[in-house]
Amino acid sequence: MVFVGQVQGVGFRWTAQATARDVGATGWVINERDGSVTMEVQGTDTQISEFFGKFDRSYARYRIQYEIYDKYDMAIDPEETEFVVRFVGRD
């Protein structure tokens, strides 16, 4: 998924990581140079639903706005065993 809006400098990646770990989802998240954030979340339908519910609630009290600009389904990568924060130029 690609998120746009107020998604950098607000703890977006770290909140995504904590939320994914809380629901048992795997994947990664990274800030892009253009100001967007790209994220891959893997898990069951229930885990994905729980992830987005908790993630949205994490930002409900803040006045930040973001939207999912692009989304697509992909095959599960069995090699992914956790949810990590990636850094541009290092991964």
N, C-alpha and C. Protein backbone atom coordinates (compact mmCIF):
# COMPACT_ATOMS: atom_id res chain seq x y z
N MET A 1 0.85 -1.17 0.00
CA MET A 1 0.00 0.00 0.00
C MET A 1 0.89 1.23 0.00
N VAL A 2 0.40 2.27 -0.60
CA VAL A 2 1.10 3.55 -0.58
C VAL A 2 0.19 4.55 0.13
N PHE A 3 0.69 5.17 1.19
CA PHE A 3 -0.05 6.15 1.94
C PHE A 3 0.47 7.54 1.60
N VAL A 4 -0.43 8.47 1.44
CA VAL A 4 -0.07 9.86 1.19
C VAL A 4 -0.80 10.74 2.20
N GLY A 5 -0.34 11.96 2.33
CA GLY A 5 -0.92 12.90 3.29
C GLY A 5 0.10 13.19 4.37
N GLN A 6 -0.37 13.36 5.58
CA GLN A 6 0.51 13.69 6.70
C GLN A 6 1.02 12.38 7.30
N VAL A 7 1.97 11.75 6.61
CA VAL A 7 2.42 10.42 7.00
C VAL A 7 3.90 10.34 7.38
N GLN A 8 4.62 11.43 7.29
CA GLN A 8 6.00 11.43 7.73
C GLN A 8 6.15 12.44 8.87
N GLY A 9 6.94 12.05 9.86
CA GLY A 9 7.18 12.93 11.01
C GLY A 9 6.09 12.83 12.08
N VAL A 10 5.23 11.80 11.99
CA VAL A 10 4.15 11.64 12.97
C VAL A 10 4.17 10.26 13.61
N GLY A 11 5.28 9.54 13.50
CA GLY A 11 5.39 8.21 14.09
C GLY A 11 4.64 7.13 13.31
N PHE A 12 4.36 7.40 12.06
CA PHE A 12 3.55 6.51 11.23
C PHE A 12 4.17 5.11 11.14
N ARG A 13 5.46 5.04 10.82
CA ARG A 13 6.12 3.74 10.66
C ARG A 13 6.17 2.97 11.98
N TRP A 14 6.49 3.66 13.05
CA TRP A 14 6.63 3.00 14.34
C TRP A 14 5.27 2.55 14.87
N THR A 15 4.24 3.31 14.60
CA THR A 15 2.88 2.91 14.98
C THR A 15 2.46 1.70 14.17
N ALA A 16 2.78 1.70 12.88
CA ALA A 16 2.46 0.55 12.03
C ALA A 16 3.17 -0.70 12.55
N GLN A 17 4.43 -0.57 12.91
CA GLN A 17 5.19 -1.71 13.41
C GLN A 17 4.59 -2.25 14.71
N ALA A 18 4.30 -1.38 15.64
CA ALA A 18 3.72 -1.82 16.93
C ALA A 18 2.36 -2.47 16.72
N THR A 19 1.56 -1.89 15.84
CA THR A 19 0.23 -2.43 15.58
C THR A 19 0.32 -3.79 14.91
N ALA A 20 1.19 -3.92 13.92
CA ALA A 20 1.36 -5.21 13.23
C ALA A 20 1.83 -6.28 14.20
N ARG A 21 2.78 -5.95 15.01
CA ARG A 21 3.28 -6.93 15.98
C ARG A 21 2.18 -7.32 16.96
N ASP A 22 1.36 -6.35 17.35
CA ASP A 22 0.26 -6.61 18.29
C ASP A 22 -0.74 -7.61 17.74
N VAL A 23 -1.01 -7.55 16.44
CA VAL A 23 -2.01 -8.46 15.85
C VAL A 23 -1.37 -9.68 15.20
N GLY A 24 -0.04 -9.77 15.22
CA GLY A 24 0.65 -10.93 14.66
C GLY A 24 0.86 -10.89 13.16
N ALA A 25 0.77 -9.71 12.56
CA ALA A 25 1.00 -9.56 11.13
C ALA A 25 2.49 -9.36 10.86
N THR A 26 2.91 -9.66 9.64
CA THR A 26 4.29 -9.45 9.24
C THR A 26 4.32 -8.45 8.08
N GLY A 27 5.53 -8.05 7.71
CA GLY A 27 5.68 -7.13 6.58
C GLY A 27 6.71 -6.07 6.85
N TRP A 28 6.52 -4.91 6.24
CA TRP A 28 7.48 -3.82 6.38
C TRP A 28 6.82 -2.49 6.03
N VAL A 29 7.49 -1.41 6.42
CA VAL A 29 7.03 -0.05 6.13
C VAL A 29 8.26 0.82 5.90
N ILE A 30 8.15 1.78 4.96
CA ILE A 30 9.29 2.64 4.64
C ILE A 30 8.80 4.02 4.21
N ASN A 31 9.50 5.06 4.67
CA ASN A 31 9.28 6.42 4.17
C ASN A 31 9.91 6.52 2.79
N GLU A 32 9.19 7.12 1.87
CA GLU A 32 9.73 7.34 0.52
C GLU A 32 10.22 8.78 0.40
N ARG A 33 11.11 9.00 -0.52
CA ARG A 33 11.68 10.34 -0.71
C ARG A 33 10.64 11.37 -1.16
N ASP A 34 9.54 10.91 -1.77
CA ASP A 34 8.51 11.84 -2.25
C ASP A 34 7.52 12.24 -1.16
N GLY A 35 7.73 11.78 0.09
CA GLY A 35 6.86 12.14 1.20
C GLY A 35 5.77 11.12 1.49
N SER A 36 5.66 10.10 0.66
CA SER A 36 4.68 9.04 0.90
C SER A 36 5.30 7.96 1.78
N VAL A 37 4.48 7.00 2.17
CA VAL A 37 4.94 5.85 2.93
C VAL A 37 4.42 4.60 2.23
N THR A 38 5.31 3.64 1.99
CA THR A 38 4.92 2.37 1.39
C THR A 38 4.94 1.31 2.49
N MET A 39 3.90 0.46 2.49
CA MET A 39 3.77 -0.56 3.52
C MET A 39 3.28 -1.87 2.91
N GLU A 40 3.84 -2.96 3.40
CA GLU A 40 3.34 -4.29 3.07
C GLU A 40 2.93 -4.94 4.39
N VAL A 41 1.69 -5.40 4.46
CA VAL A 41 1.20 -6.09 5.65
C VAL A 41 0.72 -7.47 5.23
N GLN A 42 1.24 -8.51 5.89
CA GLN A 42 0.85 -9.88 5.60
C GLN A 42 0.17 -10.49 6.81
N GLY A 43 -0.86 -11.26 6.57
CA GLY A 43 -1.53 -11.96 7.65
C GLY A 43 -2.85 -12.50 7.17
N THR A 44 -3.59 -13.07 8.09
CA THR A 44 -4.92 -13.56 7.77
C THR A 44 -5.85 -12.37 7.55
N ASP A 45 -7.02 -12.64 7.00
CA ASP A 45 -8.01 -11.56 6.83
C ASP A 45 -8.33 -10.92 8.18
N THR A 46 -8.43 -11.73 9.22
CA THR A 46 -8.71 -11.22 10.56
C THR A 46 -7.58 -10.32 11.05
N GLN A 47 -6.33 -10.76 10.87
CA GLN A 47 -5.19 -9.95 11.30
C GLN A 47 -5.14 -8.62 10.56
N ILE A 48 -5.40 -8.65 9.26
CA ILE A 48 -5.37 -7.41 8.47
C ILE A 48 -6.47 -6.47 8.93
N SER A 49 -7.65 -7.01 9.16
CA SER A 49 -8.77 -6.20 9.64
C SER A 49 -8.45 -5.60 11.00
N GLU A 50 -7.91 -6.41 11.91
CA GLU A 50 -7.53 -5.91 13.23
C GLU A 50 -6.43 -4.85 13.11
N PHE A 51 -5.48 -5.08 12.22
CA PHE A 51 -4.41 -4.09 12.02
C PHE A 51 -4.99 -2.73 11.67
N PHE A 52 -5.86 -2.68 10.66
CA PHE A 52 -6.38 -1.39 10.23
C PHE A 52 -7.29 -0.76 11.28
N GLY A 53 -8.04 -1.56 11.99
CA GLY A 53 -8.88 -1.01 13.06
C GLY A 53 -8.04 -0.36 14.14
N LYS A 54 -7.01 -1.06 14.62
CA LYS A 54 -6.14 -0.53 15.66
C LYS A 54 -5.30 0.63 15.15
N PHE A 55 -4.83 0.52 13.93
CA PHE A 55 -4.00 1.58 13.35
C PHE A 55 -4.81 2.88 13.24
N ASP A 56 -6.03 2.78 12.72
CA ASP A 56 -6.89 3.96 12.61
C ASP A 56 -7.19 4.56 13.97
N ARG A 57 -7.46 3.72 14.96
CA ARG A 57 -7.74 4.23 16.31
C ARG A 57 -6.52 4.93 16.91
N SER A 58 -5.33 4.48 16.55
CA SER A 58 -4.10 5.11 17.06
C SER A 58 -4.00 6.58 16.65
N TYR A 59 -4.55 6.90 15.47
CA TYR A 59 -4.47 8.27 14.97
C TYR A 59 -5.77 9.03 15.10
N ALA A 60 -6.79 8.45 15.68
CA ALA A 60 -8.09 9.11 15.79
C ALA A 60 -8.04 10.41 16.58
N ARG A 61 -7.17 10.48 17.58
CA ARG A 61 -7.12 11.68 18.42
C ARG A 61 -6.25 12.79 17.85
N TYR A 62 -5.53 12.49 16.78
CA TYR A 62 -4.69 13.49 16.14
C TYR A 62 -5.38 14.03 14.90
N ARG A 63 -5.02 15.20 14.51
CA ARG A 63 -5.62 15.80 13.32
C ARG A 63 -4.73 15.60 12.10
N ILE A 64 -4.27 14.38 11.92
CA ILE A 64 -3.51 14.10 10.72
C ILE A 64 -4.44 13.46 9.70
N GLN A 65 -4.13 13.66 8.46
CA GLN A 65 -4.94 13.08 7.40
C GLN A 65 -4.04 12.26 6.49
N TYR A 66 -4.51 11.09 6.17
CA TYR A 66 -3.80 10.25 5.22
C TYR A 66 -4.81 9.41 4.46
N GLU A 67 -4.38 8.90 3.36
CA GLU A 67 -5.24 8.01 2.58
C GLU A 67 -4.36 6.96 1.92
N ILE A 68 -4.99 5.85 1.59
CA ILE A 68 -4.30 4.81 0.84
C ILE A 68 -4.40 5.20 -0.62
N TYR A 69 -3.28 5.52 -1.21
CA TYR A 69 -3.23 5.97 -2.60
C TYR A 69 -3.29 4.79 -3.56
N ASP A 70 -2.66 3.70 -3.19
CA ASP A 70 -2.60 2.54 -4.06
C ASP A 70 -2.57 1.29 -3.19
N LYS A 71 -3.21 0.22 -3.64
CA LYS A 71 -3.25 -1.02 -2.87
C LYS A 71 -3.36 -2.18 -3.84
N TYR A 72 -2.66 -3.26 -3.54
CA TYR A 72 -2.82 -4.46 -4.34
C TYR A 72 -2.54 -5.69 -3.48
N ASP A 73 -3.16 -6.80 -3.83
CA ASP A 73 -2.95 -8.06 -3.14
C ASP A 73 -1.78 -8.79 -3.76
N MET A 74 -1.07 -9.54 -2.94
CA MET A 74 0.07 -10.30 -3.43
C MET A 74 0.17 -11.61 -2.65
N ALA A 75 0.94 -12.52 -3.14
CA ALA A 75 1.14 -13.80 -2.47
C ALA A 75 1.90 -13.61 -1.16
N ILE A 76 1.58 -14.43 -0.17
CA ILE A 76 2.28 -14.40 1.11
C ILE A 76 3.74 -14.80 0.91
N ASP A 77 4.65 -14.07 1.54
CA ASP A 77 6.06 -14.40 1.52
C ASP A 77 6.38 -15.18 2.80
N PRO A 78 6.58 -16.48 2.71
CA PRO A 78 6.82 -17.28 3.92
C PRO A 78 8.14 -16.95 4.62
N GLU A 79 9.01 -16.22 3.94
CA GLU A 79 10.29 -15.84 4.54
C GLU A 79 10.14 -14.67 5.53
N GLU A 80 9.05 -13.94 5.44
CA GLU A 80 8.83 -12.82 6.37
C GLU A 80 8.28 -13.37 7.68
N THR A 81 8.98 -13.05 8.75
CA THR A 81 8.59 -13.57 10.05
C THR A 81 8.27 -12.48 11.06
N GLU A 82 8.44 -11.21 10.67
CA GLU A 82 8.15 -10.10 11.56
C GLU A 82 7.78 -8.87 10.74
N PHE A 83 7.42 -7.80 11.41
CA PHE A 83 7.13 -6.54 10.74
C PHE A 83 8.26 -5.58 11.08
N VAL A 84 8.91 -5.02 10.05
CA VAL A 84 10.09 -4.18 10.27
C VAL A 84 9.92 -2.80 9.64
N VAL A 85 10.63 -1.85 10.22
CA VAL A 85 10.74 -0.52 9.64
C VAL A 85 11.97 -0.51 8.77
N ARG A 86 11.79 -0.15 7.51
CA ARG A 86 12.91 -0.05 6.58
C ARG A 86 13.29 1.41 6.42
N PHE A 87 14.50 1.62 5.94
CA PHE A 87 15.02 2.97 5.75
C PHE A 87 15.51 3.13 4.32
N VAL A 88 15.15 4.21 3.65
CA VAL A 88 15.56 4.49 2.27
C VAL A 88 17.08 4.46 2.20
N GLY A 89 17.59 3.73 1.21
CA GLY A 89 19.03 3.69 1.00
C GLY A 89 19.75 2.64 1.82
N ARG A 90 19.03 1.97 2.73
CA ARG A 90 19.69 0.95 3.56
C ARG A 90 19.15 -0.44 3.33
N ASP A 91 18.01 -0.59 2.68
CA ASP A 91 17.41 -1.92 2.47
C ASP A 91 17.36 -2.27 1.01
